[in-house]
């Protein structure tokens, strides 16, 4: 018989295949500022930076940093 994993009911996220998915409303609510920041950094990168490779590096650096922070939050709250 397969071993069932316990899901913590108070956890915001649960781990699945190397990723973290929202488990309750607090997990889903963390995506609002995350997506807002991604859109904001994309707009700032395209609007205020005229050189395309500098804009690409700016956007990429911000997106990687925010993904790392979101992953750390998911690890902490799962």
N, C-alpha and C. Protein backbone atom coordinates (compact mmCIF):
# COMPACT_ATOMS: atom_id res chain seq x y z
N UNK A 1 0.84 -1.17 0.00
CA UNK A 1 0.00 0.00 0.00
C UNK A 1 0.89 1.24 0.00
N UNK A 2 0.52 2.21 -0.81
CA UNK A 2 1.31 3.42 -0.92
C UNK A 2 1.16 4.27 0.33
N UNK A 3 2.26 4.91 0.66
CA UNK A 3 2.28 5.75 1.85
C UNK A 3 1.70 7.12 1.50
N UNK A 4 0.69 7.56 2.22
CA UNK A 4 0.09 8.86 1.98
C UNK A 4 0.87 9.92 2.73
N UNK A 5 1.09 11.04 2.05
CA UNK A 5 1.80 12.14 2.71
C UNK A 5 0.79 12.98 3.49
N UNK A 6 1.25 13.46 4.61
CA UNK A 6 0.42 14.32 5.44
C UNK A 6 0.48 15.74 4.92
N UNK A 7 -0.65 16.36 4.79
CA UNK A 7 -0.70 17.76 4.38
C UNK A 7 -1.04 18.58 5.61
N UNK A 8 -0.18 19.52 5.91
CA UNK A 8 -0.40 20.42 7.04
C UNK A 8 -1.53 21.39 6.67
N UNK A 9 -2.59 21.36 7.41
CA UNK A 9 -3.76 22.20 7.10
C UNK A 9 -3.49 23.68 7.33
N UNK A 10 -2.51 24.02 8.15
CA UNK A 10 -2.19 25.42 8.42
C UNK A 10 -1.14 25.96 7.45
N UNK A 11 -0.58 25.11 6.63
CA UNK A 11 0.46 25.55 5.69
C UNK A 11 -0.15 26.38 4.57
N UNK A 12 0.58 27.37 4.14
CA UNK A 12 0.13 28.22 3.03
C UNK A 12 0.38 27.54 1.70
N UNK A 13 1.45 26.72 1.64
CA UNK A 13 1.85 26.06 0.40
C UNK A 13 2.09 24.58 0.68
N UNK A 14 1.99 23.76 -0.36
CA UNK A 14 2.41 22.38 -0.24
C UNK A 14 3.35 22.06 -1.40
N UNK A 15 4.30 21.18 -1.11
CA UNK A 15 5.33 20.84 -2.08
C UNK A 15 4.81 19.77 -3.02
N UNK A 16 5.03 19.98 -4.29
CA UNK A 16 4.66 19.00 -5.30
C UNK A 16 5.67 19.02 -6.43
N UNK A 17 6.32 17.92 -6.67
CA UNK A 17 7.29 17.73 -7.76
C UNK A 17 8.32 18.86 -7.84
N UNK A 18 8.91 19.22 -6.75
CA UNK A 18 9.96 20.23 -6.75
C UNK A 18 9.46 21.66 -6.80
N UNK A 19 8.17 21.84 -6.67
CA UNK A 19 7.58 23.16 -6.71
C UNK A 19 6.64 23.33 -5.52
N UNK A 20 6.18 24.52 -5.30
CA UNK A 20 5.24 24.80 -4.22
C UNK A 20 3.97 25.41 -4.80
N UNK A 21 2.84 24.84 -4.41
CA UNK A 21 1.55 25.34 -4.86
C UNK A 21 0.76 25.86 -3.66
N UNK A 22 -0.07 26.88 -3.88
CA UNK A 22 -0.86 27.42 -2.78
C UNK A 22 -1.82 26.38 -2.22
N UNK A 23 -1.91 26.34 -0.89
CA UNK A 23 -2.77 25.37 -0.23
C UNK A 23 -4.01 26.02 0.36
N UNK A 24 -3.97 27.32 0.59
CA UNK A 24 -5.15 28.01 1.12
C UNK A 24 -5.16 29.46 0.62
N UNK A 25 -6.09 30.24 1.15
CA UNK A 25 -6.26 31.61 0.64
C UNK A 25 -5.04 32.49 0.89
N UNK A 26 -4.31 32.26 1.96
CA UNK A 26 -3.12 33.07 2.22
C UNK A 26 -2.02 32.79 1.19
N UNK A 27 -1.92 31.55 0.78
CA UNK A 27 -0.98 31.21 -0.28
C UNK A 27 -1.32 31.89 -1.58
N UNK A 28 -2.61 31.91 -1.91
CA UNK A 28 -3.04 32.58 -3.14
C UNK A 28 -2.86 34.09 -3.03
N UNK A 29 -3.09 34.66 -1.86
CA UNK A 29 -2.97 36.10 -1.71
C UNK A 29 -1.53 36.60 -1.85
N UNK A 30 -0.55 35.73 -1.61
CA UNK A 30 0.84 36.15 -1.79
C UNK A 30 1.18 36.37 -3.26
N UNK A 31 0.38 35.82 -4.16
CA UNK A 31 0.63 36.02 -5.58
C UNK A 31 0.27 37.41 -6.06
N UNK A 32 -0.60 38.12 -5.36
CA UNK A 32 -1.01 39.46 -5.80
C UNK A 32 0.18 40.43 -5.80
N UNK A 33 0.91 40.61 -4.68
CA UNK A 33 2.06 41.51 -4.75
C UNK A 33 3.19 40.97 -5.62
N UNK A 34 3.32 39.64 -5.71
CA UNK A 34 4.36 39.04 -6.55
C UNK A 34 4.12 39.39 -8.02
N UNK A 35 2.91 39.18 -8.51
CA UNK A 35 2.60 39.49 -9.91
C UNK A 35 2.64 41.00 -10.14
N UNK A 36 2.17 41.77 -9.16
CA UNK A 36 2.25 43.22 -9.28
C UNK A 36 3.68 43.71 -9.42
N UNK A 37 4.60 43.12 -8.64
CA UNK A 37 6.01 43.50 -8.75
C UNK A 37 6.60 43.10 -10.09
N UNK A 38 6.22 41.92 -10.60
CA UNK A 38 6.73 41.50 -11.91
C UNK A 38 6.27 42.44 -13.01
N UNK A 39 5.03 42.84 -12.98
CA UNK A 39 4.50 43.78 -13.98
C UNK A 39 5.18 45.14 -13.83
N UNK A 40 5.32 45.61 -12.60
CA UNK A 40 5.97 46.89 -12.34
C UNK A 40 7.41 46.91 -12.86
N UNK A 41 8.18 45.86 -12.54
CA UNK A 41 9.58 45.83 -12.99
C UNK A 41 9.67 45.71 -14.51
N UNK A 42 8.73 45.03 -15.13
CA UNK A 42 8.71 44.93 -16.59
C UNK A 42 8.45 46.30 -17.22
N UNK A 43 7.47 47.03 -16.68
CA UNK A 43 7.14 48.35 -17.22
C UNK A 43 8.30 49.33 -17.01
N UNK A 44 8.90 49.32 -15.83
CA UNK A 44 10.03 50.21 -15.55
C UNK A 44 11.21 49.85 -16.45
N UNK A 45 11.45 48.56 -16.62
CA UNK A 45 12.56 48.13 -17.48
C UNK A 45 12.39 48.56 -18.92
N UNK A 46 11.18 48.52 -19.42
CA UNK A 46 10.96 48.92 -20.82
C UNK A 46 10.84 50.43 -20.99
N UNK A 47 10.31 51.10 -19.99
CA UNK A 47 10.06 52.54 -20.12
C UNK A 47 11.29 53.39 -19.84
N UNK A 48 11.98 53.12 -18.75
CA UNK A 48 13.03 54.02 -18.30
C UNK A 48 14.43 53.67 -18.79
N UNK A 49 14.59 52.48 -19.31
CA UNK A 49 15.93 52.07 -19.76
C UNK A 49 15.91 51.95 -21.28
N UNK A 50 16.75 52.75 -21.95
CA UNK A 50 16.71 52.83 -23.41
C UNK A 50 17.53 51.76 -24.11
N UNK A 51 18.56 51.25 -23.47
CA UNK A 51 19.40 50.23 -24.09
C UNK A 51 18.77 48.87 -23.82
N UNK A 52 18.54 48.10 -24.87
CA UNK A 52 17.75 46.86 -24.76
C UNK A 52 18.42 45.82 -23.88
N UNK A 53 19.73 45.67 -23.95
CA UNK A 53 20.38 44.64 -23.13
C UNK A 53 20.41 45.04 -21.66
N UNK A 54 20.48 46.32 -21.37
CA UNK A 54 20.42 46.79 -19.98
C UNK A 54 19.01 46.57 -19.43
N UNK A 55 18.01 46.86 -20.25
CA UNK A 55 16.63 46.62 -19.84
C UNK A 55 16.38 45.13 -19.59
N UNK A 56 16.91 44.29 -20.47
CA UNK A 56 16.75 42.84 -20.31
C UNK A 56 17.42 42.35 -19.03
N UNK A 57 18.62 42.83 -18.75
CA UNK A 57 19.31 42.44 -17.52
C UNK A 57 18.58 42.95 -16.28
N UNK A 58 18.03 44.15 -16.36
CA UNK A 58 17.26 44.71 -15.24
C UNK A 58 16.03 43.86 -14.95
N UNK A 59 15.28 43.55 -16.00
CA UNK A 59 14.06 42.74 -15.84
C UNK A 59 14.41 41.34 -15.35
N UNK A 60 15.39 40.72 -15.95
CA UNK A 60 15.79 39.35 -15.57
C UNK A 60 16.26 39.29 -14.13
N UNK A 61 17.07 40.25 -13.71
CA UNK A 61 17.56 40.27 -12.33
C UNK A 61 16.42 40.44 -11.34
N UNK A 62 15.48 41.32 -11.64
CA UNK A 62 14.35 41.53 -10.75
C UNK A 62 13.44 40.31 -10.69
N UNK A 63 13.21 39.66 -11.82
CA UNK A 63 12.34 38.49 -11.85
C UNK A 63 12.98 37.31 -11.12
N UNK A 64 14.29 37.12 -11.29
CA UNK A 64 14.96 36.03 -10.58
C UNK A 64 14.98 36.27 -9.08
N UNK A 65 15.23 37.51 -8.68
CA UNK A 65 15.23 37.82 -7.24
C UNK A 65 13.85 37.63 -6.63
N UNK A 66 12.81 38.05 -7.35
CA UNK A 66 11.46 37.89 -6.80
C UNK A 66 11.04 36.42 -6.79
N UNK A 67 11.47 35.63 -7.76
CA UNK A 67 11.17 34.19 -7.75
C UNK A 67 11.88 33.50 -6.59
N UNK A 68 13.11 33.92 -6.31
CA UNK A 68 13.84 33.35 -5.17
C UNK A 68 13.15 33.70 -3.85
N UNK A 69 12.70 34.93 -3.72
CA UNK A 69 12.00 35.34 -2.50
C UNK A 69 10.67 34.61 -2.34
N UNK A 70 9.96 34.40 -3.44
CA UNK A 70 8.70 33.68 -3.38
C UNK A 70 8.93 32.22 -2.99
N UNK A 71 10.01 31.63 -3.49
CA UNK A 71 10.34 30.25 -3.14
C UNK A 71 10.71 30.15 -1.65
N UNK A 72 11.50 31.09 -1.16
CA UNK A 72 11.85 31.10 0.25
C UNK A 72 10.62 31.26 1.14
N UNK A 73 9.70 32.11 0.73
CA UNK A 73 8.45 32.27 1.48
C UNK A 73 7.65 30.96 1.48
N UNK A 74 7.59 30.31 0.33
CA UNK A 74 6.85 29.05 0.24
C UNK A 74 7.48 27.96 1.09
N UNK A 75 8.80 27.90 1.12
CA UNK A 75 9.50 26.92 1.95
C UNK A 75 9.21 27.21 3.42
N UNK A 76 9.26 28.46 3.79
CA UNK A 76 9.04 28.83 5.20
C UNK A 76 7.61 28.59 5.65
N UNK A 77 6.64 28.82 4.78
CA UNK A 77 5.23 28.73 5.14
C UNK A 77 4.60 27.37 4.81
N UNK A 78 5.41 26.41 4.36
CA UNK A 78 4.83 25.10 4.05
C UNK A 78 5.06 24.12 5.18
